[in-house]
All heavy atoms as atom14 arrays in JSON, in Angstrom:
{
  "sequence": "NSLHTNRLLERGSIRDTELTNFIASSEQDLGMIRQLNGLANYT",
  "atom14_mask": [
    [1, 1, 1, 1, 1, 1, 1, 1, 0, 0, 0, 0, 0, 0],
    [1, 1, 1, 1, 1, 1, 0, 0, 0, 0, 0, 0, 0, 0],
    [1, 1, 1, 1, 1, 1, 1, 1, 0, 0, 0, 0, 0, 0],
    [1, 1, 1, 1, 1, 1, 1, 1, 1, 1, 0, 0, 0, 0],
    [1, 1, 1, 1, 1, 1, 1, 0, 0, 0, 0, 0, 0, 0],
    [1, 1, 1, 1, 1, 1, 1, 1, 0, 0, 0, 0, 0, 0],
    [1, 1, 1, 1, 1, 1, 1, 1, 1, 1, 1, 0, 0, 0],
    [1, 1, 1, 1, 1, 1, 1, 1, 0, 0, 0, 0, 0, 0],
    [1, 1, 1, 1, 1, 1, 1, 1, 0, 0, 0, 0, 0, 0],
    [1, 1, 1, 1, 1, 1, 1, 1, 1, 0, 0, 0, 0, 0],
    [1, 1, 1, 1, 1, 1, 1, 1, 1, 1, 1, 0, 0, 0],
    [1, 1, 1, 1, 0, 0, 0, 0, 0, 0, 0, 0, 0, 0],
    [1, 1, 1, 1, 1, 1, 0, 0, 0, 0, 0, 0, 0, 0],
    [1, 1, 1, 1, 1, 1, 1, 1, 0, 0, 0, 0, 0, 0],
    [1, 1, 1, 1, 1, 1, 1, 1, 1, 1, 1, 0, 0, 0],
    [1, 1, 1, 1, 1, 1, 1, 1, 0, 0, 0, 0, 0, 0],
    [1, 1, 1, 1, 1, 1, 1, 0, 0, 0, 0, 0, 0, 0],
    [1, 1, 1, 1, 1, 1, 1, 1, 1, 0, 0, 0, 0, 0],
    [1, 1, 1, 1, 1, 1, 1, 1, 0, 0, 0, 0, 0, 0],
    [1, 1, 1, 1, 1, 1, 1, 0, 0, 0, 0, 0, 0, 0],
    [1, 1, 1, 1, 1, 1, 1, 1, 0, 0, 0, 0, 0, 0],
    [1, 1, 1, 1, 1, 1, 1, 1, 1, 1, 1, 0, 0, 0],
    [1, 1, 1, 1, 1, 1, 1, 1, 0, 0, 0, 0, 0, 0],
    [1, 1, 1, 1, 1, 0, 0, 0, 0, 0, 0, 0, 0, 0],
    [1, 1, 1, 1, 1, 1, 0, 0, 0, 0, 0, 0, 0, 0],
    [1, 1, 1, 1, 1, 1, 0, 0, 0, 0, 0, 0, 0, 0],
    [1, 1, 1, 1, 1, 1, 1, 1, 1, 0, 0, 0, 0, 0],
    [1, 1, 1, 1, 1, 1, 1, 1, 1, 0, 0, 0, 0, 0],
    [1, 1, 1, 1, 1, 1, 1, 1, 0, 0, 0, 0, 0, 0],
    [1, 1, 1, 1, 1, 1, 1, 1, 0, 0, 0, 0, 0, 0],
    [1, 1, 1, 1, 0, 0, 0, 0, 0, 0, 0, 0, 0, 0],
    [1, 1, 1, 1, 1, 1, 1, 1, 0, 0, 0, 0, 0, 0],
    [1, 1, 1, 1, 1, 1, 1, 1, 0, 0, 0, 0, 0, 0],
    [1, 1, 1, 1, 1, 1, 1, 1, 1, 1, 1, 0, 0, 0],
    [1, 1, 1, 1, 1, 1, 1, 1, 1, 0, 0, 0, 0, 0],
    [1, 1, 1, 1, 1, 1, 1, 1, 0, 0, 0, 0, 0, 0],
    [1, 1, 1, 1, 1, 1, 1, 1, 0, 0, 0, 0, 0, 0],
    [1, 1, 1, 1, 0, 0, 0, 0, 0, 0, 0, 0, 0, 0],
    [1, 1, 1, 1, 1, 1, 1, 1, 0, 0, 0, 0, 0, 0],
    [1, 1, 1, 1, 1, 0, 0, 0, 0, 0, 0, 0, 0, 0],
    [1, 1, 1, 1, 1, 1, 1, 1, 0, 0, 0, 0, 0, 0],
    [1, 1, 1, 1, 1, 1, 1, 1, 1, 1, 1, 1, 0, 0],
    [1, 1, 1, 1, 1, 1, 1, 0, 0, 0, 0, 0, 0, 0]
  ],
  "atom14_positions": [
    [[-39.73, 45.3, -82.0], [-40.62, 45.91, -82.99], [-39.85, 46.35, -84.23], [-40.36, 46.25, -85.36], [-41.33, 47.12, -82.38], [-42.49, 46.72, -81.5], [-43.29, 45.88, -81.87], [-42.58, 47.32, -80.32], [0.0, 0.0, 0.0], [0.0, 0.0, 0.0], [0.0, 0.0, 0.0], [0.0, 0.0, 0.0], [0.0, 0.0, 0.0], [0.0, 0.0, 0.0]],
    [[-38.65, 46.86, -84.03], [-37.84, 47.31, -85.16], [-37.52, 46.16, -86.1], [-37.67, 46.27, -87.33], [-36.54, 47.96, -84.65], [-35.78, 48.46, -85.72], [0.0, 0.0, 0.0], [0.0, 0.0, 0.0], [0.0, 0.0, 0.0], [0.0, 0.0, 0.0], [0.0, 0.0, 0.0], [0.0, 0.0, 0.0], [0.0, 0.0, 0.0], [0.0, 0.0, 0.0]],
    [[-37.11, 45.04, -85.54], [-36.83, 43.85, -86.37], [-38.1, 43.36, -87.06], [-38.08, 43.0, -88.24], [-36.24, 42.74, -85.49], [-34.84, 42.99, -84.92], [-34.47, 41.88, -83.94], [-33.81, 43.08, -86.03], [0.0, 0.0, 0.0], [0.0, 0.0, 0.0], [0.0, 0.0, 0.0], [0.0, 0.0, 0.0], [0.0, 0.0, 0.0], [0.0, 0.0, 0.0]],
    [[-39.2, 43.36, -86.3], [-40.48, 42.86, -86.82], [-40.97, 43.71, -87.98], [-41.36, 43.19, -89.04], [-41.5, 42.85, -85.68], [-42.82, 42.24, -86.03], [-42.94, 41.15, -86.87], [-44.09, 42.58, -85.67], [-44.22, 40.83, -87.0], [-44.93, 41.69, -86.29], [0.0, 0.0, 0.0], [0.0, 0.0, 0.0], [0.0, 0.0, 0.0], [0.0, 0.0, 0.0]],
    [[-40.95, 45.03, -87.82], [-41.44, 45.91, -88.89], [-40.53, 45.85, -90.12], [-41.01, 45.89, -91.26], [-41.56, 47.37, -88.41], [-40.31, 47.79, -87.84], [-42.67, 47.5, -87.37], [0.0, 0.0, 0.0], [0.0, 0.0, 0.0], [0.0, 0.0, 0.0], [0.0, 0.0, 0.0], [0.0, 0.0, 0.0], [0.0, 0.0, 0.0], [0.0, 0.0, 0.0]],
    [[-39.22, 45.73, -89.9], [-38.31, 45.62, -91.04], [-38.61, 44.36, -91.86], [-38.6, 44.41, -93.11], [-36.85, 45.59, -90.56], [-36.38, 46.95, -90.08], [-36.96, 47.98, -90.41], [-35.32, 46.96, -89.29], [0.0, 0.0, 0.0], [0.0, 0.0, 0.0], [0.0, 0.0, 0.0], [0.0, 0.0, 0.0], [0.0, 0.0, 0.0], [0.0, 0.0, 0.0]],
    [[-38.86, 43.26, -91.17], [-39.2, 42.02, -91.89], [-40.52, 42.17, -92.65], [-40.63, 41.73, -93.8], [-39.28, 40.84, -90.9], [-37.94, 40.32, -90.43], [-38.08, 38.96, -89.76], [-38.87, 39.04, -88.55], [-38.34, 39.18, -87.33], [-37.04, 39.27, -87.19], [-39.12, 39.23, -86.28], [0.0, 0.0, 0.0], [0.0, 0.0, 0.0], [0.0, 0.0, 0.0]],
    [[-41.51, 42.78, -91.99], [-42.8, 42.95, -92.65], [-42.71, 43.86, -93.87], [-43.35, 43.62, -94.9], [-43.83, 43.51, -91.65], [-44.33, 42.54, -90.59], [-45.3, 43.25, -89.65], [-45.01, 41.33, -91.21], [0.0, 0.0, 0.0], [0.0, 0.0, 0.0], [0.0, 0.0, 0.0], [0.0, 0.0, 0.0], [0.0, 0.0, 0.0], [0.0, 0.0, 0.0]],
    [[-41.91, 44.92, -93.76], [-41.75, 45.84, -94.9], [-41.05, 45.14, -96.06], [-41.41, 45.35, -97.23], [-40.96, 47.08, -94.47], [-41.72, 48.05, -93.55], [-40.78, 49.12, -93.03], [-42.9, 48.68, -94.29], [0.0, 0.0, 0.0], [0.0, 0.0, 0.0], [0.0, 0.0, 0.0], [0.0, 0.0, 0.0], [0.0, 0.0, 0.0], [0.0, 0.0, 0.0]],
    [[-40.07, 44.32, -95.75], [-39.38, 43.57, -96.8], [-40.33, 42.6, -97.48], [-40.39, 42.53, -98.72], [-38.19, 42.83, -96.2], [-37.36, 42.06, -97.24], [-36.17, 41.36, -96.62], [-35.9, 41.58, -95.43], [-35.51, 40.58, -97.33], [0.0, 0.0, 0.0], [0.0, 0.0, 0.0], [0.0, 0.0, 0.0], [0.0, 0.0, 0.0], [0.0, 0.0, 0.0]],
    [[-41.09, 41.87, -96.67], [-42.06, 40.92, -97.22], [-43.15, 41.65, -97.99], [-43.63, 41.17, -99.02], [-42.67, 40.09, -96.09], [-41.7, 39.09, -95.48], [-42.25, 38.46, -94.23], [-43.51, 37.77, -94.47], [-44.23, 37.21, -93.5], [-43.81, 37.29, -92.25], [-45.35, 36.6, -93.78], [0.0, 0.0, 0.0], [0.0, 0.0, 0.0], [0.0, 0.0, 0.0]],
    [[-43.56, 42.82, -97.48], [-44.6, 43.59, -98.16], [-44.17, 44.05, -99.54], [-44.96, 44.05, -100.49], [0.0, 0.0, 0.0], [0.0, 0.0, 0.0], [0.0, 0.0, 0.0], [0.0, 0.0, 0.0], [0.0, 0.0, 0.0], [0.0, 0.0, 0.0], [0.0, 0.0, 0.0], [0.0, 0.0, 0.0], [0.0, 0.0, 0.0], [0.0, 0.0, 0.0]],
    [[-42.9, 44.45, -99.66], [-42.38, 44.88, -100.94], [-42.35, 43.72, -101.94], [-42.74, 43.88, -103.11], [-40.96, 45.44, -100.76], [-40.39, 45.81, -101.99], [0.0, 0.0, 0.0], [0.0, 0.0, 0.0], [0.0, 0.0, 0.0], [0.0, 0.0, 0.0], [0.0, 0.0, 0.0], [0.0, 0.0, 0.0], [0.0, 0.0, 0.0], [0.0, 0.0, 0.0]],
    [[-41.92, 42.56, -101.45], [-41.9, 41.37, -102.32], [-43.31, 40.99, -102.73], [-43.58, 40.68, -103.9], [-41.2, 40.2, -101.59], [-39.72, 40.53, -101.35], [-41.35, 38.9, -102.37], [-39.0, 39.54, -100.46], [0.0, 0.0, 0.0], [0.0, 0.0, 0.0], [0.0, 0.0, 0.0], [0.0, 0.0, 0.0], [0.0, 0.0, 0.0], [0.0, 0.0, 0.0]],
    [[-44.23, 41.02, -101.76], [-45.63, 40.66, -102.04], [-46.25, 41.6, -103.07], [-46.96, 41.16, -103.99], [-46.43, 40.69, -100.74], [-47.87, 40.22, -100.84], [-47.97, 38.74, -101.11], [-47.07, 37.92, -100.33], [-47.21, 37.67, -99.03], [-48.21, 38.18, -98.35], [-46.35, 36.9, -98.41], [0.0, 0.0, 0.0], [0.0, 0.0, 0.0], [0.0, 0.0, 0.0]],
    [[-45.95, 42.88, -102.97], [-46.5, 43.85, -103.93], [-45.98, 43.56, -105.33], [-46.74, 43.62, -106.31], [-46.12, 45.27, -103.51], [-46.69, 46.32, -104.44], [-47.93, 46.35, -104.6], [-45.91, 47.1, -105.0], [0.0, 0.0, 0.0], [0.0, 0.0, 0.0], [0.0, 0.0, 0.0], [0.0, 0.0, 0.0], [0.0, 0.0, 0.0], [0.0, 0.0, 0.0]],
    [[-44.68, 43.24, -105.44], [-44.11, 42.91, -106.75], [-44.76, 41.65, -107.32], [-45.08, 41.59, -108.51], [-42.59, 42.7, -106.63], [-41.99, 43.9, -106.15], [-41.98, 42.32, -107.96], [0.0, 0.0, 0.0], [0.0, 0.0, 0.0], [0.0, 0.0, 0.0], [0.0, 0.0, 0.0], [0.0, 0.0, 0.0], [0.0, 0.0, 0.0], [0.0, 0.0, 0.0]],
    [[-44.98, 40.65, -106.45], [-45.59, 39.41, -106.9], [-47.02, 39.64, -107.39], [-47.43, 39.1, -108.43], [-45.58, 38.37, -105.77], [-44.19, 37.85, -105.43], [-44.19, 36.96, -104.21], [-45.15, 37.06, -103.41], [-43.25, 36.17, -104.05], [0.0, 0.0, 0.0], [0.0, 0.0, 0.0], [0.0, 0.0, 0.0], [0.0, 0.0, 0.0], [0.0, 0.0, 0.0]],
    [[-47.78, 40.43, -106.65], [-49.15, 40.72, -107.06], [-49.18, 41.48, -108.38], [-49.99, 41.19, -109.27], [-49.86, 41.53, -105.97], [-50.27, 40.76, -104.71], [-50.66, 41.72, -103.6], [-51.43, 39.82, -105.02], [0.0, 0.0, 0.0], [0.0, 0.0, 0.0], [0.0, 0.0, 0.0], [0.0, 0.0, 0.0], [0.0, 0.0, 0.0], [0.0, 0.0, 0.0]],
    [[-48.28, 42.46, -108.52], [-48.21, 43.23, -109.76], [-47.86, 42.32, -110.94], [-48.47, 42.41, -112.01], [-47.16, 44.35, -109.64], [-47.55, 45.24, -108.58], [-47.06, 45.15, -110.93], [0.0, 0.0, 0.0], [0.0, 0.0, 0.0], [0.0, 0.0, 0.0], [0.0, 0.0, 0.0], [0.0, 0.0, 0.0], [0.0, 0.0, 0.0], [0.0, 0.0, 0.0]],
    [[-46.89, 41.44, -110.73], [-46.49, 40.52, -111.8], [-47.61, 39.55, -112.16], [-47.81, 39.24, -113.34], [-45.24, 39.74, -111.38], [-44.0, 40.6, -111.33], [-43.96, 41.69, -111.91], [-42.99, 40.14, -110.62], [0.0, 0.0, 0.0], [0.0, 0.0, 0.0], [0.0, 0.0, 0.0], [0.0, 0.0, 0.0], [0.0, 0.0, 0.0], [0.0, 0.0, 0.0]],
    [[-48.33, 39.09, -111.13], [-49.42, 38.16, -111.41], [-50.51, 38.84, -112.24], [-50.98, 38.31, -113.24], [-50.02, 37.64, -110.1], [-51.19, 36.71, -110.33], [-50.97, 35.36, -110.54], [-52.48, 37.19, -110.37], [-52.04, 34.51, -110.77], [-53.56, 36.35, -110.59], [-53.33, 34.99, -110.79], [0.0, 0.0, 0.0], [0.0, 0.0, 0.0], [0.0, 0.0, 0.0]],
    [[-50.9, 40.03, -111.82], [-51.96, 40.75, -112.52], [-51.5, 41.1, -113.95], [-52.3, 41.11, -114.89], [-52.35, 42.01, -111.74], [-53.0, 41.6, -110.4], [-53.29, 42.9, -112.54], [-53.21, 42.75, -109.43], [0.0, 0.0, 0.0], [0.0, 0.0, 0.0], [0.0, 0.0, 0.0], [0.0, 0.0, 0.0], [0.0, 0.0, 0.0], [0.0, 0.0, 0.0]],
    [[-50.19, 41.34, -114.12], [-49.66, 41.68, -115.44], [-49.33, 40.44, -116.27], [-48.75, 40.54, -117.35], [-48.4, 42.52, -115.28], [0.0, 0.0, 0.0], [0.0, 0.0, 0.0], [0.0, 0.0, 0.0], [0.0, 0.0, 0.0], [0.0, 0.0, 0.0], [0.0, 0.0, 0.0], [0.0, 0.0, 0.0], [0.0, 0.0, 0.0], [0.0, 0.0, 0.0]],
    [[-49.69, 39.25, -115.76], [-49.52, 37.98, -116.48], [-48.07, 37.57, -116.66], [-47.75, 36.79, -117.56], [-50.2, 38.05, -117.86], [-51.57, 38.33, -117.74], [0.0, 0.0, 0.0], [0.0, 0.0, 0.0], [0.0, 0.0, 0.0], [0.0, 0.0, 0.0], [0.0, 0.0, 0.0], [0.0, 0.0, 0.0], [0.0, 0.0, 0.0], [0.0, 0.0, 0.0]],
    [[-47.17, 38.08, -115.83], [-45.77, 37.66, -115.95], [-45.37, 36.65, -114.89], [-44.26, 36.12, -114.92], [-44.85, 38.88, -115.88], [-45.03, 39.58, -114.66], [0.0, 0.0, 0.0], [0.0, 0.0, 0.0], [0.0, 0.0, 0.0], [0.0, 0.0, 0.0], [0.0, 0.0, 0.0], [0.0, 0.0, 0.0], [0.0, 0.0, 0.0], [0.0, 0.0, 0.0]],
    [[-46.25, 36.4, -113.93], [-45.97, 35.4, -112.88], [-46.42, 34.04, -113.4], [-47.56, 33.85, -113.83], [-46.72, 35.75, -111.61], [-46.31, 34.94, -110.39], [-44.95, 35.37, -109.86], [-44.65, 36.56, -109.88], [-44.2, 34.48, -109.43], [0.0, 0.0, 0.0], [0.0, 0.0, 0.0], [0.0, 0.0, 0.0], [0.0, 0.0, 0.0], [0.0, 0.0, 0.0]],
    [[-45.51, 33.05, -113.35], [-45.8, 31.78, -113.99], [-45.94, 30.6, -113.02], [-46.03, 29.47, -113.45], [-44.69, 31.46, -115.01], [-44.59, 32.46, -116.15], [-45.89, 32.6, -116.92], [-46.57, 31.61, -117.21], [-46.27, 33.85, -117.21], [0.0, 0.0, 0.0], [0.0, 0.0, 0.0], [0.0, 0.0, 0.0], [0.0, 0.0, 0.0], [0.0, 0.0, 0.0]],
    [[-45.94, 30.87, -111.72], [-46.15, 29.77, -110.78], [-47.2, 30.17, -109.76], [-47.67, 31.31, -109.75], [-44.85, 29.35, -110.08], [-44.27, 30.49, -109.24], [-44.96, 30.9, -108.29], [-43.15, 30.94, -109.53], [0.0, 0.0, 0.0], [0.0, 0.0, 0.0], [0.0, 0.0, 0.0], [0.0, 0.0, 0.0], [0.0, 0.0, 0.0], [0.0, 0.0, 0.0]],
    [[-47.56, 29.23, -108.92], [-48.67, 29.43, -107.98], [-48.19, 29.9, -106.61], [-48.99, 29.97, -105.67], [-49.45, 28.12, -107.83], [-50.1, 27.6, -109.11], [-50.67, 26.2, -108.88], [-51.19, 28.53, -109.6], [0.0, 0.0, 0.0], [0.0, 0.0, 0.0], [0.0, 0.0, 0.0], [0.0, 0.0, 0.0], [0.0, 0.0, 0.0], [0.0, 0.0, 0.0]],
    [[-46.92, 30.23, -106.49], [-46.37, 30.59, -105.19], [-47.08, 31.77, -104.55], [-47.42, 31.75, -103.36], [0.0, 0.0, 0.0], [0.0, 0.0, 0.0], [0.0, 0.0, 0.0], [0.0, 0.0, 0.0], [0.0, 0.0, 0.0], [0.0, 0.0, 0.0], [0.0, 0.0, 0.0], [0.0, 0.0, 0.0], [0.0, 0.0, 0.0], [0.0, 0.0, 0.0]],
    [[-47.33, 32.82, -105.34], [-47.97, 34.01, -104.78], [-49.37, 33.7, -104.27], [-49.77, 34.15, -103.19], [-48.03, 35.11, -105.84], [-48.56, 36.45, -105.34], [-50.37, 36.55, -105.26], [-50.79, 36.31, -106.99], [0.0, 0.0, 0.0], [0.0, 0.0, 0.0], [0.0, 0.0, 0.0], [0.0, 0.0, 0.0], [0.0, 0.0, 0.0], [0.0, 0.0, 0.0]],
    [[-50.12, 32.89, -105.04], [-51.48, 32.56, -104.62], [-51.46, 31.75, -103.33], [-52.25, 31.98, -102.41], [-52.21, 31.77, -105.73], [-52.26, 32.61, -107.02], [-53.62, 31.41, -105.29], [-53.01, 33.91, -106.89], [0.0, 0.0, 0.0], [0.0, 0.0, 0.0], [0.0, 0.0, 0.0], [0.0, 0.0, 0.0], [0.0, 0.0, 0.0], [0.0, 0.0, 0.0]],
    [[-50.53, 30.8, -103.24], [-50.44, 30.0, -102.02], [-50.13, 30.88, -100.81], [-50.57, 30.6, -99.7], [-49.36, 28.93, -102.18], [-49.73, 27.81, -103.15], [-48.85, 26.6, -102.91], [-49.14, 25.55, -103.87], [-48.41, 25.31, -104.96], [-47.36, 26.08, -105.23], [-48.71, 24.34, -105.77], [0.0, 0.0, 0.0], [0.0, 0.0, 0.0], [0.0, 0.0, 0.0]],
    [[-49.36, 31.94, -101.03], [-48.95, 32.78, -99.9], [-50.11, 33.6, -99.33], [-49.96, 34.23, -98.28], [-47.82, 33.73, -100.35], [-46.5, 32.99, -100.57], [-45.41, 33.92, -101.05], [-45.49, 35.13, -100.85], [-44.39, 33.37, -101.68], [0.0, 0.0, 0.0], [0.0, 0.0, 0.0], [0.0, 0.0, 0.0], [0.0, 0.0, 0.0], [0.0, 0.0, 0.0]],
    [[-51.24, 33.6, -99.99], [-52.4, 34.28, -99.42], [-52.79, 33.68, -98.08], [-53.41, 34.33, -97.24], [-53.6, 34.22, -100.38], [-53.47, 35.02, -101.68], [-54.66, 34.77, -102.58], [-53.32, 36.49, -101.39], [0.0, 0.0, 0.0], [0.0, 0.0, 0.0], [0.0, 0.0, 0.0], [0.0, 0.0, 0.0], [0.0, 0.0, 0.0], [0.0, 0.0, 0.0]],
    [[-52.41, 32.42, -97.87], [-52.67, 31.78, -96.57], [-51.75, 32.3, -95.48], [-52.01, 32.11, -94.3], [-52.49, 30.26, -96.7], [-53.79, 29.56, -97.03], [-54.85, 30.18, -97.0], [-53.72, 28.29, -97.37], [0.0, 0.0, 0.0], [0.0, 0.0, 0.0], [0.0, 0.0, 0.0], [0.0, 0.0, 0.0], [0.0, 0.0, 0.0], [0.0, 0.0, 0.0]],
    [[-50.65, 32.94, -95.89], [-49.65, 33.31, -94.88], [-49.44, 34.8, -94.73], [-48.38, 35.22, -94.27], [0.0, 0.0, 0.0], [0.0, 0.0, 0.0], [0.0, 0.0, 0.0], [0.0, 0.0, 0.0], [0.0, 0.0, 0.0], [0.0, 0.0, 0.0], [0.0, 0.0, 0.0], [0.0, 0.0, 0.0], [0.0, 0.0, 0.0], [0.0, 0.0, 0.0]],
    [[-50.44, 35.6, -95.13], [-50.3, 37.04, -94.97], [-50.23, 37.38, -93.48], [-51.1, 37.0, -92.71], [-51.48, 37.77, -95.62], [-51.45, 37.82, -97.15], [-52.71, 38.49, -97.67], [-50.23, 38.57, -97.66], [0.0, 0.0, 0.0], [0.0, 0.0, 0.0], [0.0, 0.0, 0.0], [0.0, 0.0, 0.0], [0.0, 0.0, 0.0], [0.0, 0.0, 0.0]],
    [[-49.2, 38.12, -93.12], [-49.0, 38.45, -91.71], [-49.34, 39.91, -91.45], [-49.03, 40.78, -92.26], [-47.55, 38.18, -91.3], [0.0, 0.0, 0.0], [0.0, 0.0, 0.0], [0.0, 0.0, 0.0], [0.0, 0.0, 0.0], [0.0, 0.0, 0.0], [0.0, 0.0, 0.0], [0.0, 0.0, 0.0], [0.0, 0.0, 0.0], [0.0, 0.0, 0.0]],
    [[-49.99, 40.18, -90.35], [-50.27, 41.55, -89.93], [-49.3, 41.95, -88.83], [-48.69, 41.11, -88.18], [-51.72, 41.66, -89.41], [-52.73, 41.39, -90.5], [-52.84, 42.13, -91.46], [-53.46, 40.29, -90.36], [0.0, 0.0, 0.0], [0.0, 0.0, 0.0], [0.0, 0.0, 0.0], [0.0, 0.0, 0.0], [0.0, 0.0, 0.0], [0.0, 0.0, 0.0]],
    [[-49.21, 43.24, -88.64], [-48.31, 43.75, -87.6], [-48.94, 43.57, -86.23], [-50.03, 44.07, -85.95], [-48.02, 45.23, -87.85], [-47.22, 45.86, -86.73], [-45.93, 45.42, -86.46], [-47.76, 46.87, -85.95], [-45.2, 45.98, -85.43], [-47.03, 47.45, -84.93], [-45.76, 47.0, -84.67], [-45.03, 47.55, -83.65], [0.0, 0.0, 0.0], [0.0, 0.0, 0.0]],
    [[-48.26, 42.82, -85.39], [-48.67, 42.64, -84.0], [-47.58, 43.22, -83.11], [-46.47, 42.66, -83.04], [-48.88, 41.15, -83.66], [-49.83, 40.59, -84.56], [-49.38, 41.0, -82.23], [0.0, 0.0, 0.0], [0.0, 0.0, 0.0], [0.0, 0.0, 0.0], [0.0, 0.0, 0.0], [0.0, 0.0, 0.0], [0.0, 0.0, 0.0], [0.0, 0.0, 0.0]]
  ]
}
């Protein structure tokens, strides 16, 4: 669980930055949008 939550928190931080950049019009590729298919929840 410790490894799993650490990975999710790291990915969550990156995802938040990507969403913020996209909404602020500074994201210039479709990577963040494609990743909507791969959002992981804590199991």
